[in-house]
């Protein structure tokens, strides 16, 4: 797939500025296949993760995007919808019980085109920079497609694009792409099969720990969305999710 708007935003409108402003670097780029389908999983630090990472990868990628980007009313909402639609992103209602199935189906369509699909297993941005428990959609995609999972650590994007900010700050952003993770190897090590009910969770947990290690961040065995809900309700961090020192 070659989307002209995707190319224009990457090479004309946003890319040149971000390359100078945030000085992004990437290592391990050879772990992404030069052609054919690929499944990429990244920790999620900032909205602009979906700008910085595609900027540094020659091939075009498709990301699932929260449905609010496509349904927000007003001028800003219409601009968001136009932008995310123009660059070929896929809306997903995270509150829909069928959201996981929607993502799996979307990934299969992308793979049929021979393209790259990138997913944030945490499902939402980290509230504090740590790496949180992953949703199992990524593992279900890997099991259905037979593709390995390529892990990517985003480093510094949270500082460059803090939650709530629109204009990036001049902070350096780094990306580390590690060698592919083969689900069959993980399951074999744990003595389970792809048909076992616990297979998606085992794969997901392995990948999230790998992402935390790559990013140099602590791993939190709770969903980021639950922690955010607790913080927004004024209840503080749930037991077991408190950052060290609190």
C-alpha atoms as a PDB file:
ATOM      1  CA  UNK A   1       0.000   0.000   0.000  1.00  0.00           C
ATOM      2  CA  UNK A   2       1.170   3.500  -0.808  1.00  0.00           C
ATOM      3  CA  UNK A   3      -1.013   6.304   0.507  1.00  0.00           C
ATOM      4  CA  UNK A   4      -0.157   9.723  -0.939  1.00  0.00           C
ATOM      5  CA  UNK A   5      -1.315  11.577   2.171  1.00  0.00           C
ATOM      6  CA  UNK A   6       0.762   9.266   4.368  1.00  0.00           C
ATOM      7  CA  UNK A   7       3.792  10.051   2.208  1.00  0.00           C
ATOM      8  CA  UNK A   8       3.080  13.785   2.261  1.00  0.00           C
ATOM      9  CA  UNK A   9       2.702  14.021   6.044  1.00  0.00           C
ATOM     10  CA  UNK A  10       5.830  11.942   6.534  1.00  0.00           C
ATOM     11  CA  UNK A  11       8.075  13.683   4.006  1.00  0.00           C
ATOM     12  CA  UNK A  12       6.661  17.194   3.617  1.00  0.00           C
ATOM     13  CA  UNK A  13       4.318  18.470   6.325  1.00  0.00           C
ATOM     14  CA  UNK A  14       5.461  16.914   9.627  1.00  0.00           C
ATOM     15  CA  UNK A  15       8.500  14.727   9.039  1.00  0.00           C
ATOM     16  CA  UNK A  16      11.189  17.328   8.271  1.00  0.00           C
ATOM     17  CA  UNK A  17      10.240  19.398  11.327  1.00  0.00           C
ATOM     18  CA  UNK A  18      10.185  16.409  13.692  1.00  0.00           C
ATOM     19  CA  UNK A  19      13.550  15.166  12.427  1.00  0.00           C
ATOM     20  CA  UNK A  20      15.136  18.486  13.426  1.00  0.00           C
ATOM     21  CA  UNK A  21      13.044  19.218  16.527  1.00  0.00           C
ATOM     22  CA  UNK A  22      13.240  15.801  18.222  1.00  0.00           C
ATOM     23  CA  UNK A  23      16.320  14.286  16.517  1.00  0.00           C
ATOM     24  CA  UNK A  24      14.770  10.778  16.378  1.00  0.00           C
ATOM     25  CA  UNK A  25      17.023   7.752  16.067  1.00  0.00           C
ATOM     26  CA  UNK A  26      16.213   4.108  15.484  1.00  0.00           C
ATOM     27  CA  UNK A  27      18.188   0.893  15.912  1.00  0.00           C
ATOM     28  CA  UNK A  28      17.351  -2.601  14.724  1.00  0.00           C
ATOM     29  CA  UNK A  29      15.523  -1.471  11.599  1.00  0.00           C
ATOM     30  CA  UNK A  30      16.637  -4.624   9.802  1.00  0.00           C
ATOM     31  CA  UNK A  31      14.269  -6.608  12.055  1.00  0.00           C
ATOM     32  CA  UNK A  32      11.339  -5.245  10.044  1.00  0.00           C
ATOM     33  CA  UNK A  33      10.864  -7.200   6.798  1.00  0.00           C
ATOM     34  CA  UNK A  34      11.559  -5.197   3.656  1.00  0.00           C
ATOM     35  CA  UNK A  35       8.455  -6.657   2.020  1.00  0.00           C
ATOM     36  CA  UNK A  36       5.438  -8.783   2.887  1.00  0.00           C
ATOM     37  CA  UNK A  37       3.216  -8.723   5.963  1.00  0.00           C
ATOM     38  CA  UNK A  38       4.543  -7.966   9.417  1.00  0.00           C
ATOM     39  CA  UNK A  39       3.165  -7.626  12.953  1.00  0.00           C
ATOM     40  CA  UNK A  40       4.755  -4.941  15.124  1.00  0.00           C
ATOM     41  CA  UNK A  41       4.063  -4.345  18.826  1.00  0.00           C
ATOM     42  CA  UNK A  42       5.160  -1.212  20.699  1.00  0.00           C
ATOM     43  CA  UNK A  43       4.841   0.266  24.155  1.00  0.00           C
ATOM     44  CA  UNK A  44       2.661   3.390  24.100  1.00  0.00           C
ATOM     45  CA  UNK A  45       4.073   6.571  25.605  1.00  0.00           C
ATOM     46  CA  UNK A  46       2.482   9.393  23.605  1.00  0.00           C
ATOM     47  CA  UNK A  47       0.029  10.203  20.818  1.00  0.00           C
ATOM     48  CA  UNK A  48       3.000  11.042  18.639  1.00  0.00           C
ATOM     49  CA  UNK A  49       4.411   7.531  18.878  1.00  0.00           C
ATOM     50  CA  UNK A  50       2.352   7.028  15.717  1.00  0.00           C
ATOM     51  CA  UNK A  51       4.266   9.906  14.105  1.00  0.00           C
ATOM     52  CA  UNK A  52       7.833   9.259  15.262  1.00  0.00           C
ATOM     53  CA  UNK A  53       7.924   5.539  14.506  1.00  0.00           C
ATOM     54  CA  UNK A  54       6.489   5.706  10.957  1.00  0.00           C
ATOM     55  CA  UNK A  55       8.839   8.602  10.281  1.00  0.00           C
ATOM     56  CA  UNK A  56      11.818   6.302  10.777  1.00  0.00           C
ATOM     57  CA  UNK A  57      10.503   3.215   8.955  1.00  0.00           C
ATOM     58  CA  UNK A  58      10.679   3.221   5.135  1.00  0.00           C
ATOM     59  CA  UNK A  59       7.547   1.095   4.724  1.00  0.00           C
ATOM     60  CA  UNK A  60       4.045   2.330   5.410  1.00  0.00           C
ATOM     61  CA  UNK A  61       2.282   1.011   8.522  1.00  0.00           C
ATOM     62  CA  UNK A  62      -1.331   0.790   9.623  1.00  0.00           C
ATOM     63  CA  UNK A  63      -2.296   1.466  13.235  1.00  0.00           C
ATOM     64  CA  UNK A  64      -5.624   0.948  14.991  1.00  0.00           C
ATOM     65  CA  UNK A  65      -6.742   4.307  16.421  1.00  0.00           C
ATOM     66  CA  UNK A  66      -9.303   4.996  19.135  1.00  0.00           C
ATOM     67  CA  UNK A  67     -12.724   5.789  17.701  1.00  0.00           C
ATOM     68  CA  UNK A  68     -12.833   9.172  19.465  1.00  0.00           C
ATOM     69  CA  UNK A  69     -10.412  10.469  16.846  1.00  0.00           C
ATOM     70  CA  UNK A  70     -13.119   9.839  14.253  1.00  0.00           C
ATOM     71  CA  UNK A  71     -16.209  10.908  16.200  1.00  0.00           C
ATOM     72  CA  UNK A  72     -15.236  14.019  18.198  1.00  0.00           C
ATOM     73  CA  UNK A  73     -17.553  16.929  17.268  1.00  0.00           C
ATOM     74  CA  UNK A  74     -16.458  20.422  16.250  1.00  0.00           C
ATOM     75  CA  UNK A  75     -13.693  21.762  14.066  1.00  0.00           C
ATOM     76  CA  UNK A  76     -10.922  19.909  15.883  1.00  0.00           C
ATOM     77  CA  UNK A  77     -12.898  16.679  15.655  1.00  0.00           C
ATOM     78  CA  UNK A  78     -13.409  17.051  11.917  1.00  0.00           C
ATOM     79  CA  UNK A  79      -9.703  17.750  11.445  1.00  0.00           C
ATOM     80  CA  UNK A  80      -8.786  14.663  13.459  1.00  0.00           C
ATOM     81  CA  UNK A  81     -11.189  12.486  11.485  1.00  0.00           C
ATOM     82  CA  UNK A  82      -9.863  13.779   8.173  1.00  0.00           C
ATOM     83  CA  UNK A  83      -6.245  13.271   9.201  1.00  0.00           C
ATOM     84  CA  UNK A  84      -6.585   9.746  10.564  1.00  0.00           C
ATOM     85  CA  UNK A  85      -8.772   8.704   7.651  1.00  0.00           C
ATOM     86  CA  UNK A  86      -6.380  10.261   5.128  1.00  0.00           C
ATOM     87  CA  UNK A  87      -3.394   8.312   6.441  1.00  0.00           C
ATOM     88  CA  UNK A  88      -5.309   5.034   6.474  1.00  0.00           C
ATOM     89  CA  UNK A  89      -5.722   4.402  10.204  1.00  0.00           C
ATOM     90  CA  UNK A  90      -8.469   2.100  11.528  1.00  0.00           C
ATOM     91  CA  UNK A  91     -11.039   3.296  14.113  1.00  0.00           C
ATOM     92  CA  UNK A  92     -11.606   1.004  17.097  1.00  0.00           C
ATOM     93  CA  UNK A  93     -14.120   1.555  19.904  1.00  0.00           C
ATOM     94  CA  UNK A  94     -12.152   0.491  22.964  1.00  0.00           C
ATOM     95  CA  UNK A  95     -15.349   0.210  25.037  1.00  0.00           C
ATOM     96  CA  UNK A  96     -16.963  -2.218  22.605  1.00  0.00           C
ATOM     97  CA  UNK A  97     -16.899  -5.828  23.775  1.00  0.00           C
ATOM     98  CA  UNK A  98     -16.054  -6.778  20.177  1.00  0.00           C
ATOM     99  CA  UNK A  99     -13.063  -4.414  19.941  1.00  0.00           C
ATOM    100  CA  UNK A 100     -10.613  -7.307  20.052  1.00  0.00           C
ATOM    101  CA  UNK A 101     -12.337  -9.064  17.170  1.00  0.00           C
ATOM    102  CA  UNK A 102     -12.377  -5.811  15.187  1.00  0.00           C
ATOM    103  CA  UNK A 103      -8.618  -5.412  15.583  1.00  0.00           C
ATOM    104  CA  UNK A 104      -7.941  -9.028  14.603  1.00  0.00           C
ATOM    105  CA  UNK A 105     -10.080  -8.668  11.461  1.00  0.00           C
ATOM    106  CA  UNK A 106      -8.414  -5.359  10.567  1.00  0.00           C
ATOM    107  CA  UNK A 107      -4.960  -6.900  10.937  1.00  0.00           C
ATOM    108  CA  UNK A 108      -5.880  -9.806   8.685  1.00  0.00           C
ATOM    109  CA  UNK A 109      -7.000  -7.374   5.989  1.00  0.00           C
ATOM    110  CA  UNK A 110      -3.701  -5.499   6.252  1.00  0.00           C
ATOM    111  CA  UNK A 111      -1.709  -8.734   6.019  1.00  0.00           C
ATOM    112  CA  UNK A 112      -3.649  -9.804   2.937  1.00  0.00           C
ATOM    113  CA  UNK A 113      -2.356  -6.639   1.248  1.00  0.00           C
ATOM    114  CA  UNK A 114       1.174  -7.613   2.259  1.00  0.00           C
ATOM    115  CA  UNK A 115       1.513  -4.619   4.603  1.00  0.00           C
ATOM    116  CA  UNK A 116       2.685  -3.875   8.145  1.00  0.00           C
ATOM    117  CA  UNK A 117       0.301  -3.694  11.108  1.00  0.00           C
ATOM    118  CA  UNK A 118       1.482  -1.966  14.282  1.00  0.00           C
ATOM    119  CA  UNK A 119      -0.386  -2.344  17.563  1.00  0.00           C
ATOM    120  CA  UNK A 120      -0.043  -0.939  21.082  1.00  0.00           C
ATOM    121  CA  UNK A 121      -0.869  -3.922  23.322  1.00  0.00           C
ATOM    122  CA  UNK A 122      -1.374  -1.686  26.379  1.00  0.00           C
ATOM    123  CA  UNK A 123      -4.456  -0.341  24.612  1.00  0.00           C
ATOM    124  CA  UNK A 124      -3.862   3.223  25.770  1.00  0.00           C
ATOM    125  CA  UNK A 125      -0.977   5.501  26.633  1.00  0.00           C
ATOM    126  CA  UNK A 126       0.950   4.736  29.794  1.00  0.00           C
ATOM    127  CA  UNK A 127      -0.138   7.142  32.567  1.00  0.00           C
ATOM    128  CA  UNK A 128       3.382   7.455  33.948  1.00  0.00           C
ATOM    129  CA  UNK A 129       5.909   6.060  31.469  1.00  0.00           C
ATOM    130  CA  UNK A 130       6.015   2.520  32.826  1.00  0.00           C
ATOM    131  CA  UNK A 131       5.016  -0.467  30.681  1.00  0.00           C
ATOM    132  CA  UNK A 132       1.627  -1.906  31.608  1.00  0.00           C
ATOM    133  CA  UNK A 133      -0.115  -5.253  31.186  1.00  0.00           C
ATOM    134  CA  UNK A 134      -1.039  -5.943  27.581  1.00  0.00           C
ATOM    135  CA  UNK A 135      -4.346  -6.853  25.997  1.00  0.00           C
ATOM    136  CA  UNK A 136      -4.328 -10.197  24.229  1.00  0.00           C
ATOM    137  CA  UNK A 137      -5.433  -8.964  20.788  1.00  0.00           C
ATOM    138  CA  UNK A 138      -1.801  -8.859  19.661  1.00  0.00           C
ATOM    139  CA  UNK A 139      -1.290 -12.510  20.575  1.00  0.00           C
ATOM    140  CA  UNK A 140      -4.547 -13.543  18.899  1.00  0.00           C
ATOM    141  CA  UNK A 141      -3.399 -11.803  15.720  1.00  0.00           C
ATOM    142  CA  UNK A 142      -0.056 -13.605  15.860  1.00  0.00           C
ATOM    143  CA  UNK A 143      -1.691 -16.992  16.443  1.00  0.00           C
ATOM    144  CA  UNK A 144      -4.184 -16.498  13.601  1.00  0.00           C
ATOM    145  CA  UNK A 145      -1.632 -15.181  11.106  1.00  0.00           C
ATOM    146  CA  UNK A 146       1.361 -17.304  12.040  1.00  0.00           C
ATOM    147  CA  UNK A 147       3.523 -14.189  11.984  1.00  0.00           C
ATOM    148  CA  UNK A 148       6.197 -13.412  14.576  1.00  0.00           C
ATOM    149  CA  UNK A 149       5.807 -10.315  16.752  1.00  0.00           C
ATOM    150  CA  UNK A 150       8.390  -7.575  16.214  1.00  0.00           C
ATOM    151  CA  UNK A 151       8.866  -5.624  19.484  1.00  0.00           C
ATOM    152  CA  UNK A 152       9.554  -1.886  19.428  1.00  0.00           C
ATOM    153  CA  UNK A 153      10.459   0.271  22.416  1.00  0.00           C
ATOM    154  CA  UNK A 154       9.568   3.968  22.269  1.00  0.00           C
ATOM    155  CA  UNK A 155      11.918   6.014  24.434  1.00  0.00           C
ATOM    156  CA  UNK A 156      11.599   9.749  25.101  1.00  0.00           C
ATOM    157  CA  UNK A 157       8.335  10.299  23.236  1.00  0.00           C
ATOM    158  CA  UNK A 158       6.471  10.893  26.502  1.00  0.00           C
ATOM    159  CA  UNK A 159       8.839  13.756  27.338  1.00  0.00           C
ATOM    160  CA  UNK A 160       8.537  15.148  23.829  1.00  0.00           C
ATOM    161  CA  UNK A 161       4.736  14.870  23.793  1.00  0.00           C
ATOM    162  CA  UNK A 162       3.353  14.809  27.358  1.00  0.00           C
ATOM    163  CA  UNK A 163      -0.278  13.837  27.816  1.00  0.00           C
ATOM    164  CA  UNK A 164      -2.455  16.843  26.986  1.00  0.00           C
ATOM    165  CA  UNK A 165       0.153  18.643  24.872  1.00  0.00           C
ATOM    166  CA  UNK A 166      -0.375  19.527  21.210  1.00  0.00           C
ATOM    167  CA  UNK A 167       3.011  20.980  20.281  1.00  0.00           C
ATOM    168  CA  UNK A 168       6.010  18.657  20.757  1.00  0.00           C
ATOM    169  CA  UNK A 169       8.828  19.735  23.040  1.00  0.00           C
ATOM    170  CA  UNK A 170      12.440  19.658  21.800  1.00  0.00           C
ATOM    171  CA  UNK A 171      13.263  16.360  23.512  1.00  0.00           C
ATOM    172  CA  UNK A 172      15.173  13.568  21.823  1.00  0.00           C
ATOM    173  CA  UNK A 173      13.210  10.464  20.831  1.00  0.00           C
ATOM    174  CA  UNK A 174      14.696   7.012  20.379  1.00  0.00           C
ATOM    175  CA  UNK A 175      13.313   3.733  19.073  1.00  0.00           C
ATOM    176  CA  UNK A 176      14.718   0.241  19.549  1.00  0.00           C
ATOM    177  CA  UNK A 177      13.495  -2.635  17.373  1.00  0.00           C
ATOM    178  CA  UNK A 178      14.392  -6.051  18.738  1.00  0.00           C
ATOM    179  CA  UNK A 179      14.513  -9.430  17.032  1.00  0.00           C
ATOM    180  CA  UNK A 180      11.163 -11.070  16.216  1.00  0.00           C
ATOM    181  CA  UNK A 181       9.364 -13.066  18.897  1.00  0.00           C
ATOM    182  CA  UNK A 182       7.947 -16.398  17.713  1.00  0.00           C
ATOM    183  CA  UNK A 183       4.818 -17.395  19.644  1.00  0.00           C
ATOM    184  CA  UNK A 184       5.467 -21.107  19.074  1.00  0.00           C
ATOM    185  CA  UNK A 185       8.785 -20.819  20.911  1.00  0.00           C
ATOM    186  CA  UNK A 186       7.138 -19.108  23.892  1.00  0.00           C
ATOM    187  CA  UNK A 187       4.424 -21.730  24.118  1.00  0.00           C
ATOM    188  CA  UNK A 188       6.900 -24.590  23.798  1.00  0.00           C
ATOM    189  CA  UNK A 189       8.976 -23.168  26.651  1.00  0.00           C
ATOM    190  CA  UNK A 190       5.888 -23.007  28.848  1.00  0.00           C
ATOM    191  CA  UNK A 191       4.606 -26.432  27.847  1.00  0.00           C
ATOM    192  CA  UNK A 192       1.332 -25.256  26.319  1.00  0.00           C
ATOM    193  CA  UNK A 193      -0.112 -25.259  22.812  1.00  0.00           C
ATOM    194  CA  UNK A 194      -1.763 -22.628  20.635  1.00  0.00           C
ATOM    195  CA  UNK A 195      -5.131 -24.278  21.328  1.00  0.00           C
ATOM    196  CA  UNK A 196      -4.818 -23.845  25.095  1.00  0.00           C
ATOM    197  CA  UNK A 197      -6.943 -21.116  26.623  1.00  0.00           C
ATOM    198  CA  UNK A 198      -3.976 -19.516  28.367  1.00  0.00           C
ATOM    199  CA  UNK A 199      -1.873 -19.258  25.179  1.00  0.00           C
ATOM    200  CA  UNK A 200      -2.781 -15.620  24.271  1.00  0.00           C
ATOM    201  CA  UNK A 201      -2.044 -14.433  27.818  1.00  0.00           C
ATOM    202  CA  UNK A 202       1.280 -16.271  27.967  1.00  0.00           C
ATOM    203  CA  UNK A 203       2.404 -14.716  24.683  1.00  0.00           C
ATOM    204  CA  UNK A 204       1.198 -11.258  25.648  1.00  0.00           C
ATOM    205  CA  UNK A 205       2.935 -11.278  29.028  1.00  0.00           C
ATOM    206  CA  UNK A 206       6.193 -12.407  27.434  1.00  0.00           C
ATOM    207  CA  UNK A 207       6.070  -9.591  24.874  1.00  0.00           C
ATOM    208  CA  UNK A 208       5.204  -6.919  27.468  1.00  0.00           C
ATOM    209  CA  UNK A 209       8.120  -7.931  29.677  1.00  0.00           C
ATOM    210  CA  UNK A 210      10.386  -7.774  26.638  1.00  0.00           C
ATOM    211  CA  UNK A 211       9.112  -4.276  25.822  1.00  0.00           C
ATOM    212  CA  UNK A 212       9.696  -3.131  29.395  1.00  0.00           C
ATOM    213  CA  UNK A 213      13.248  -4.469  29.258  1.00  0.00           C
ATOM    214  CA  UNK A 214      13.935  -2.778  25.919  1.00  0.00           C
ATOM    215  CA  UNK A 215      12.526   0.543  27.116  1.00  0.00           C
ATOM    216  CA  UNK A 216      14.358   0.350  30.436  1.00  0.00           C
ATOM    217  CA  UNK A 217      11.078   0.814  32.318  1.00  0.00           C
ATOM    218  CA  UNK A 218       9.386  -1.114  35.156  1.00  0.00           C
ATOM    219  CA  UNK A 219       6.583  -3.497  34.232  1.00  0.00           C
ATOM    220  CA  UNK A 220       3.185  -3.092  35.917  1.00  0.00           C
ATOM    221  CA  UNK A 221       0.922  -6.151  35.978  1.00  0.00           C
ATOM    222  CA  UNK A 222      -2.285  -4.102  35.732  1.00  0.00           C
ATOM    223  CA  UNK A 223      -4.108  -2.579  32.792  1.00  0.00           C
ATOM    224  CA  UNK A 224      -3.207   1.048  32.103  1.00  0.00           C
ATOM    225  CA  UNK A 225      -6.876   1.836  31.470  1.00  0.00           C
ATOM    226  CA  UNK A 226      -7.815   0.659  34.988  1.00  0.00           C
ATOM    227  CA  UNK A 227      -5.045   2.728  36.547  1.00  0.00           C
ATOM    228  CA  UNK A 228      -6.098   5.797  34.569  1.00  0.00           C
ATOM    229  CA  UNK A 229      -9.705   5.349  35.660  1.00  0.00           C
ATOM    230  CA  UNK A 230      -8.652   5.152  39.300  1.00  0.00           C
ATOM    231  CA  UNK A 231      -6.480   8.253  39.014  1.00  0.00           C
ATOM    232  CA  UNK A 232      -9.181  10.240  37.210  1.00  0.00           C
ATOM    233  CA  UNK A 233     -11.705   9.278  39.894  1.00  0.00           C
ATOM    234  CA  UNK A 234      -9.388  10.700  42.549  1.00  0.00           C
ATOM    235  CA  UNK A 235      -8.637   7.316  44.126  1.00  0.00           C
ATOM    236  CA  UNK A 236      -4.919   7.339  43.374  1.00  0.00           C
ATOM    237  CA  UNK A 237      -3.030   4.306  42.165  1.00  0.00           C
ATOM    238  CA  UNK A 238      -4.697   0.925  42.743  1.00  0.00           C
ATOM    239  CA  UNK A 239      -2.901  -1.358  45.221  1.00  0.00           C
ATOM    240  CA  UNK A 240       0.109  -2.943  43.566  1.00  0.00           C
ATOM    241  CA  UNK A 241       0.383  -0.311  40.831  1.00  0.00           C
ATOM    242  CA  UNK A 242       1.978   2.466  42.875  1.00  0.00           C
ATOM    243  CA  UNK A 243       5.247   3.825  41.440  1.00  0.00           C
ATOM    244  CA  UNK A 244       8.231   3.029  43.632  1.00  0.00           C
ATOM    245  CA  UNK A 245       8.756   5.608  46.334  1.00  0.00           C
ATOM    246  CA  UNK A 246       5.021   6.316  46.773  1.00  0.00           C
END
